[in-house]
Amino acid sequence: MLQCEATGDNDFRQSIEIVEDQGALFFELHSTDELARSMISRGEVFTAQDMLRACVDRFKTAVETPDLTLANQLLRQGI
C-alpha cells in the first residue's frame, strides 16, 4: 500500500470516529463511503461492503441524500 493511501484511509477512519462521537450520521456515511471505495480499489471488497452496509442500515428513515444514494448504489453493485 502506498503511503498516501494509508494516510488517506487513516484520515477517513479518524473522521468516522469523530463524527460517531458527535452522532453526525450523515457525515459518518460520507466518510465511510469514501473509505469503502478506497478499500474496494485495493480488493478489500467484503470488508468494505460490511462496513458500508452497517452504516447505511443505521438510517431508519427513507431520506434520500446524495451520499446515501451513492452508498446504496455501491452496495447494489456488489463489487
Protein backbone atom coordinates (compact mmCIF):
# COMPACT_ATOMS: atom_id res chain seq x y z
CA MET A 1 0.00 0.00 0.00
CA LEU A 2 1.30 3.41 -0.83
CA GLN A 3 1.93 5.84 2.00
CA CYS A 4 -0.68 8.28 0.68
CA GLU A 5 -3.33 5.52 0.62
CA ALA A 6 -2.54 4.59 4.21
CA THR A 7 -2.69 8.21 5.29
CA GLY A 8 -5.97 8.77 3.44
CA ASP A 9 -7.56 5.69 4.99
CA ASN A 10 -6.36 6.73 8.44
CA ASP A 11 -7.86 10.19 7.90
CA PHE A 12 -11.21 8.64 6.95
CA ARG A 13 -11.10 6.31 9.98
CA GLN A 14 -10.34 9.23 12.27
CA SER A 15 -13.16 11.24 10.71
CA ILE A 16 -15.56 8.33 11.26
CA GLU A 17 -14.58 8.10 14.92
CA ILE A 18 -15.09 11.82 15.46
CA VAL A 19 -18.49 12.03 13.80
CA GLU A 20 -19.66 8.82 15.54
CA ASP A 21 -18.92 10.50 18.86
CA GLN A 22 -20.88 13.54 17.71
CA GLY A 23 -23.80 11.49 16.42
CA ALA A 24 -23.44 13.03 12.96
CA LEU A 25 -24.70 10.10 10.92
CA PHE A 26 -24.73 11.86 7.54
CA PHE A 27 -21.07 12.85 7.93
CA GLU A 28 -20.26 9.34 9.11
CA LEU A 29 -21.87 7.94 5.98
CA HIS A 30 -19.85 10.25 3.75
CA SER A 31 -16.54 9.24 5.34
CA THR A 32 -17.50 5.56 5.43
CA ASP A 33 -18.43 5.64 1.74
CA GLU A 34 -15.10 7.22 0.82
CA LEU A 35 -13.17 4.70 2.94
CA ALA A 36 -15.14 1.81 1.43
CA ARG A 37 -14.34 2.98 -2.10
CA SER A 38 -10.66 3.18 -1.23
CA MET A 39 -10.74 -0.30 0.25
CA ILE A 40 -12.59 -1.73 -2.77
CA SER A 41 -9.95 -0.27 -5.08
CA ARG A 42 -7.40 -2.39 -3.20
CA GLY A 43 -9.52 -5.54 -3.31
CA GLU A 44 -10.90 -5.39 0.24
CA VAL A 45 -14.42 -5.77 -1.13
CA PHE A 46 -16.17 -7.80 1.56
CA THR A 47 -14.77 -5.77 4.46
CA ALA A 48 -15.72 -2.54 2.70
CA GLN A 49 -19.25 -3.75 1.94
CA ASP A 50 -19.80 -4.93 5.52
CA MET A 51 -18.61 -1.61 6.92
CA LEU A 52 -20.73 0.43 4.49
CA ARG A 53 -23.83 -1.77 4.97
CA ALA A 54 -23.58 -1.32 8.77
CA CYS A 55 -23.56 2.45 8.35
CA VAL A 56 -26.37 2.53 5.75
CA ASP A 57 -28.53 0.27 7.91
CA ARG A 58 -28.46 2.85 10.71
CA PHE A 59 -30.66 5.16 8.62
CA LYS A 60 -34.16 4.48 9.86
CA THR A 61 -35.97 6.83 7.50
CA ALA A 62 -36.27 6.70 3.74
CA VAL A 63 -34.50 10.03 3.37
CA GLU A 64 -32.56 10.11 0.12
CA THR A 65 -29.43 12.19 0.21
CA PRO A 66 -26.70 12.16 -2.41
CA ASP A 67 -24.37 10.26 -0.06
CA LEU A 68 -27.00 7.68 0.84
CA THR A 69 -27.88 7.21 -2.82
CA LEU A 70 -24.22 6.69 -3.74
CA ALA A 71 -23.68 4.26 -0.86
CA ASN A 72 -26.74 2.21 -1.84
CA GLN A 73 -25.60 2.14 -5.47
CA LEU A 74 -22.19 0.87 -4.41
CA LEU A 75 -23.79 -1.85 -2.29
CA ARG A 76 -26.14 -2.90 -5.11
CA GLN A 77 -23.21 -3.23 -7.50
CA GLY A 78 -21.87 -5.99 -5.30
CA ILE A 79 -18.36 -5.24 -6.47
